[in-house]
Amino acid sequence: MDIVIAHYNEDLSWLEDDIDSCYIYSKGGEKNAPPYPHQALPNIGREGHTYLHYLVENYESLPDVVLFLQGHIDDHIPFSIDEVKRRALATKPGQVTTFPFRELETFDHWDGIPWHEYPSWKKWSSMVRVNAAKTPAEYWKTFFPGRPIPASLGFAPGALFAVRKETIQQHSRDFYRLVLQEFFLDDMAHVNPETGHHMERFWLAIWNPDEYCCWDKVKDVSREKRNGQGQLAKGRWHITPRWAEIDEGTIRPEPAQLATPPLSDDGSS
């Protein structure tokens, strides 16, 4: 398993026992370089640029499982890296194991993210950024010509996840090059491009559209509350309320609490 780390200036000592399995991409310049083998990258594109760079560079030599993490995970994941690895290695073909154990959220702002309507996102909306050159709908059409635009997507806040080689390679290397070019190069080559937020919302749908794309807001919503991984099922993802000052989302129960089959709406299993 490869562990891909999007680093800026974080202390990576928590990875010392696994450093030989890590691909560390550091964007903090020489003064913030970690004392471990790493590749320096320009400070553009947030973690999405880092992950795509890894995929393009290593497409032909991917291991069975790739674990994508940011340089600091204590504020996202409430357990050790050993437990993260254990759960990552249990990822099955077609699945995406998401971290932290927070509920998946809904994305349906296809005409553009109305940042001013979501005060709870001010941590990100207050940052200097380059606005996306296209709407999310236009990017979707660029990446998936001929495919309809979903009513909504389910996404994992923080973009921490594990995925198998065959799931990644359902798309060509040129596909990932295209996403990298459109989202993070040329006019979007900025420390905080709005497309970084679009990428965070697109990852799961890219790898498993059957599970993370809701094509119809009524007909396509799962009867079950949760899927087989314990994530909120299709179309049942958390919705961030407009105009709310604080929205922490919903903390997802631990897997042990989801050991029984999920219940349908009428309470039957």
Protein backbone atom coordinates (compact mmCIF):
# COMPACT_ATOMS: atom_id res chain seq x y z
CA MET A 1 0.00 0.00 0.00
CA ASP A 2 1.19 3.50 -0.84
CA ILE A 3 0.45 6.32 1.59
CA VAL A 4 0.22 9.62 -0.29
CA ILE A 5 0.78 12.67 1.92
CA ALA A 6 -0.16 16.23 0.97
CA HIS A 7 2.30 18.22 3.13
CA TYR A 8 2.90 21.91 3.77
CA ASN A 9 4.63 22.43 7.13
CA GLU A 10 3.13 19.73 9.34
CA ASP A 11 5.11 17.50 11.73
CA LEU A 12 5.17 14.08 10.07
CA SER A 13 6.73 12.15 12.96
CA TRP A 14 3.49 10.15 13.23
CA LEU A 15 4.53 8.49 9.96
CA GLU A 16 8.05 7.43 10.99
CA ASP A 17 7.23 3.73 11.21
CA ASP A 18 5.67 3.81 7.74
CA ILE A 19 7.98 6.22 5.97
CA ASP A 20 9.13 3.62 3.42
CA SER A 21 5.52 3.31 2.19
CA CYS A 22 4.98 7.06 1.90
CA TYR A 23 4.96 9.37 -1.07
CA ILE A 24 5.37 12.74 0.64
CA TYR A 25 4.71 15.79 -1.53
CA SER A 26 5.77 18.96 0.25
CA LYS A 27 4.55 22.42 -0.79
CA GLY A 28 6.02 24.50 2.04
CA GLY A 29 9.34 25.32 0.44
CA GLU A 30 12.82 24.48 1.72
CA LYS A 31 12.28 26.00 5.19
CA ASN A 32 9.30 23.70 5.82
CA ALA A 33 10.67 20.58 4.15
CA PRO A 34 10.17 17.42 6.24
CA PRO A 35 13.23 15.42 7.40
CA TYR A 36 12.11 12.45 5.32
CA PRO A 37 12.36 11.54 1.62
CA HIS A 38 9.92 13.76 -0.24
CA GLN A 39 9.21 15.52 -3.51
CA ALA A 40 8.86 19.29 -3.52
CA LEU A 41 5.90 20.67 -5.45
CA PRO A 42 4.78 24.25 -6.09
CA ASN A 43 2.25 25.45 -3.53
CA ILE A 44 -0.80 25.29 -5.76
CA GLY A 45 -4.07 23.41 -5.87
CA ARG A 46 -4.46 22.20 -2.28
CA GLU A 47 -4.49 18.43 -1.72
CA GLY A 48 -6.36 17.76 -4.97
CA HIS A 49 -3.35 18.84 -7.04
CA THR A 50 -1.09 16.63 -4.91
CA TYR A 51 -3.25 13.53 -5.28
CA LEU A 52 -3.63 13.98 -9.03
CA HIS A 53 0.12 14.52 -9.43
CA TYR A 54 0.72 11.18 -7.72
CA LEU A 55 -1.86 9.41 -9.90
CA VAL A 56 -0.40 10.74 -13.15
CA GLU A 57 3.21 10.03 -12.15
CA ASN A 58 2.58 6.53 -10.74
CA TYR A 59 -0.34 5.30 -12.82
CA GLU A 60 1.46 2.26 -14.25
CA SER A 61 2.96 1.13 -10.92
CA LEU A 62 0.11 1.53 -8.45
CA PRO A 63 -0.04 -0.88 -5.49
CA ASP A 64 -3.22 -2.77 -4.63
CA VAL A 65 -4.41 0.02 -2.32
CA VAL A 66 -3.59 3.74 -2.16
CA LEU A 67 -4.26 5.74 1.01
CA PHE A 68 -4.56 9.50 0.49
CA LEU A 69 -3.97 11.69 3.56
CA GLN A 70 -3.07 15.26 4.48
CA GLY A 71 -0.02 16.14 6.55
CA HIS A 72 -2.02 16.60 9.74
CA ILE A 73 -4.82 14.16 10.49
CA ASP A 74 -5.37 14.57 14.24
CA ASP A 75 -8.09 17.15 13.61
CA HIS A 76 -9.83 14.81 11.15
CA ILE A 77 -9.34 11.22 12.31
CA PRO A 78 -9.77 10.13 15.95
CA PHE A 79 -7.59 7.02 15.82
CA SER A 80 -4.02 5.92 15.08
CA ILE A 81 -2.33 5.56 11.72
CA ASP A 82 -2.21 1.80 12.34
CA GLU A 83 -6.01 1.73 12.53
CA VAL A 84 -6.26 3.94 9.44
CA LYS A 85 -4.05 1.50 7.55
CA ARG A 86 -6.04 -1.50 8.75
CA ARG A 87 -9.27 0.01 7.48
CA ALA A 88 -7.64 1.11 4.23
CA LEU A 89 -6.35 -2.40 3.49
CA ALA A 90 -9.87 -3.77 3.96
CA THR A 91 -11.11 -1.66 1.02
CA LYS A 92 -12.88 -3.82 -1.55
CA PRO A 93 -12.95 -3.38 -5.34
CA GLY A 94 -15.27 -0.53 -6.26
CA GLN A 95 -15.37 0.84 -2.72
CA VAL A 96 -13.88 4.05 -1.41
CA THR A 97 -13.01 3.95 2.30
CA THR A 98 -13.55 7.46 3.61
CA PHE A 99 -11.97 9.25 6.56
CA PRO A 100 -12.80 10.79 8.96
CA PHE A 101 -15.78 8.91 10.24
CA ARG A 102 -17.98 11.86 9.54
CA GLU A 103 -21.11 11.58 7.47
CA LEU A 104 -20.83 12.13 3.74
CA GLU A 105 -22.14 15.50 2.58
CA THR A 106 -24.26 16.59 -0.36
CA PHE A 107 -23.03 18.63 -3.31
CA ASP A 108 -25.61 20.01 -5.75
CA HIS A 109 -24.35 23.52 -6.57
CA TRP A 110 -23.86 22.84 -10.27
CA ASP A 111 -24.07 26.53 -11.25
CA GLY A 112 -21.37 27.49 -8.74
CA ILE A 113 -20.92 27.43 -4.97
CA PRO A 114 -22.83 30.37 -3.39
CA TRP A 115 -20.25 30.95 -0.65
CA HIS A 116 -22.07 33.95 0.83
CA GLU A 117 -25.08 31.78 1.67
CA TYR A 118 -23.02 29.49 3.91
CA PRO A 119 -21.49 31.38 6.88
CA SER A 120 -20.37 28.03 8.30
CA TRP A 121 -17.90 27.83 5.40
CA LYS A 122 -16.28 31.21 6.17
CA LYS A 123 -12.98 29.51 7.05
CA TRP A 124 -12.66 28.76 3.33
CA SER A 125 -14.73 31.54 1.76
CA SER A 126 -12.70 34.22 3.58
CA MET A 127 -9.43 33.04 2.02
CA VAL A 128 -8.03 34.77 -1.01
CA ARG A 129 -8.82 32.51 -3.93
CA VAL A 130 -8.98 32.32 -7.70
CA ASN A 131 -12.54 31.70 -8.81
CA ALA A 132 -13.14 28.73 -11.04
CA ALA A 133 -13.08 29.41 -14.78
CA LYS A 134 -16.17 27.23 -15.32
CA THR A 135 -19.18 26.09 -13.35
CA PRO A 136 -19.07 22.64 -11.75
CA ALA A 137 -21.58 21.51 -14.39
CA GLU A 138 -19.25 22.62 -17.18
CA TYR A 139 -16.30 20.80 -15.59
CA TRP A 140 -18.42 17.66 -15.24
CA LYS A 141 -19.28 17.80 -18.95
CA THR A 142 -15.59 18.25 -19.78
CA PHE A 143 -14.59 15.18 -17.76
CA PHE A 144 -17.60 13.03 -18.67
CA PRO A 145 -18.83 14.04 -22.13
CA GLY A 146 -22.19 12.52 -22.90
CA ARG A 147 -22.92 11.65 -19.30
CA PRO A 148 -25.83 13.49 -17.64
CA ILE A 149 -25.23 15.83 -14.74
CA PRO A 150 -26.32 14.19 -11.47
CA ALA A 151 -28.90 15.81 -9.24
CA SER A 152 -26.35 15.59 -6.42
CA LEU A 153 -23.08 13.99 -5.36
CA GLY A 154 -21.97 12.53 -2.05
CA PHE A 155 -18.52 13.65 -0.90
CA ALA A 156 -16.15 13.19 2.04
CA PRO A 157 -15.11 16.47 3.73
CA GLY A 158 -11.33 16.66 4.09
CA ALA A 159 -10.59 14.35 1.13
CA LEU A 160 -9.04 11.56 3.20
CA PHE A 161 -9.71 8.16 1.68
CA ALA A 162 -8.38 4.81 0.46
CA VAL A 163 -9.11 3.27 -2.93
CA ARG A 164 -7.98 0.18 -4.81
CA LYS A 165 -5.80 0.11 -7.92
CA GLU A 166 -8.49 -1.33 -10.18
CA THR A 167 -10.94 1.36 -9.07
CA ILE A 168 -8.43 4.07 -9.95
CA GLN A 169 -7.55 2.47 -13.27
CA GLN A 170 -11.13 2.32 -14.53
CA HIS A 171 -10.08 5.73 -15.90
CA SER A 172 -7.02 6.26 -18.06
CA ARG A 173 -3.95 8.22 -17.11
CA ASP A 174 -5.04 10.80 -19.68
CA PHE A 175 -8.28 11.26 -17.74
CA TYR A 176 -6.35 12.23 -14.61
CA ARG A 177 -4.09 14.47 -16.68
CA LEU A 178 -7.20 16.24 -17.99
CA VAL A 179 -8.60 16.79 -14.48
CA LEU A 180 -5.20 18.06 -13.31
CA GLN A 181 -4.97 20.48 -16.24
CA GLU A 182 -8.51 21.80 -15.94
CA PHE A 183 -8.59 22.19 -12.17
CA PHE A 184 -5.05 23.15 -11.18
CA LEU A 185 -2.79 24.36 -14.00
CA ASP A 186 -2.47 27.57 -16.04
CA ASP A 187 -5.02 30.12 -14.73
CA MET A 188 -5.96 27.79 -11.84
CA ALA A 189 -2.34 27.40 -10.65
CA HIS A 190 -2.98 29.19 -7.35
CA VAL A 191 -2.51 28.32 -3.68
CA ASN A 192 -6.28 28.35 -3.19
CA PRO A 193 -8.18 27.86 -6.45
CA GLU A 194 -11.91 27.39 -6.09
CA THR A 195 -11.47 24.25 -8.16
CA GLY A 196 -9.75 22.66 -5.15
CA HIS A 197 -13.16 22.62 -3.48
CA HIS A 198 -14.74 21.23 -6.64
CA MET A 199 -12.17 18.41 -6.68
CA GLU A 200 -12.96 17.53 -3.07
CA ARG A 201 -16.60 17.13 -4.09
CA PHE A 202 -15.88 15.11 -7.26
CA TRP A 203 -13.53 12.38 -5.97
CA LEU A 204 -16.06 9.76 -4.87
CA ALA A 205 -18.28 10.27 -7.91
CA ILE A 206 -15.28 9.79 -10.20
CA TRP A 207 -14.52 6.40 -8.66
CA ASN A 208 -17.98 5.02 -7.90
CA PRO A 209 -20.81 6.93 -9.62
CA ASP A 210 -23.28 4.13 -8.87
CA GLU A 211 -22.92 4.82 -5.16
CA TYR A 212 -22.04 8.52 -4.97
CA CYS A 213 -24.11 10.06 -7.79
CA CYS A 214 -27.80 10.62 -7.19
CA TRP A 215 -29.27 11.05 -10.67
CA ASP A 216 -32.82 11.87 -9.53
CA LYS A 217 -33.58 13.62 -6.21
CA VAL A 218 -36.63 11.42 -5.62
CA LYS A 219 -36.40 8.20 -7.62
CA ASP A 220 -32.71 7.55 -7.01
CA VAL A 221 -32.63 7.96 -3.21
CA SER A 222 -31.77 4.72 -1.45
CA ARG A 223 -34.45 3.04 0.68
CA GLU A 224 -31.71 2.19 3.17
CA LYS A 225 -30.21 4.78 5.46
CA ARG A 226 -26.67 3.39 5.07
CA ASN A 227 -24.72 1.47 2.49
CA GLY A 228 -22.66 -1.65 3.10
CA GLN A 229 -19.71 0.41 4.36
CA GLY A 230 -21.80 2.21 6.96
CA GLN A 231 -21.75 5.48 5.03
CA LEU A 232 -24.97 7.38 4.50
CA ALA A 233 -26.58 5.77 1.47
CA LYS A 234 -27.16 7.36 -1.93
CA GLY A 235 -29.15 10.57 -1.74
CA ARG A 236 -29.25 10.53 2.09
CA TRP A 237 -26.07 12.52 2.59
CA HIS A 238 -25.86 15.38 5.08
CA ILE A 239 -27.01 18.75 3.72
CA THR A 240 -25.26 21.85 5.05
CA PRO A 241 -27.96 24.35 6.06
CA ARG A 242 -27.93 27.73 4.36
CA TRP A 243 -27.26 30.79 6.53
CA ALA A 244 -26.16 28.72 9.55
CA GLU A 245 -23.15 30.13 11.41
CA ILE A 246 -22.04 26.69 12.59
CA ASP A 247 -22.53 23.31 10.98
CA GLU A 248 -20.26 20.58 12.21
CA GLY A 249 -22.02 17.99 10.10
CA THR A 250 -22.95 14.71 11.68
CA ILE A 251 -20.36 12.45 13.23
CA ARG A 252 -20.60 8.99 11.73
CA PRO A 253 -20.95 6.11 14.23
CA GLU A 254 -18.06 3.72 14.67
CA PRO A 255 -18.29 0.52 12.56
CA ALA A 256 -19.06 -1.55 15.67
CA GLN A 257 -22.25 0.45 16.05
CA LEU A 258 -23.21 -0.46 12.48
CA ALA A 259 -22.71 -4.21 12.81
CA THR A 260 -26.37 -5.02 12.26
CA PRO A 261 -27.93 -4.68 8.79
CA PRO A 262 -29.17 -1.13 8.09
CA LEU A 263 -32.88 -0.56 8.49
CA SER A 264 -35.18 0.57 5.73
CA ASP A 265 -37.61 3.42 6.21
CA ASP A 266 -40.34 1.14 7.57
CA GLY A 267 -38.00 -0.26 10.21
CA SER A 268 -37.50 -3.65 8.58
CA SER A 269 -34.06 -5.10 7.93
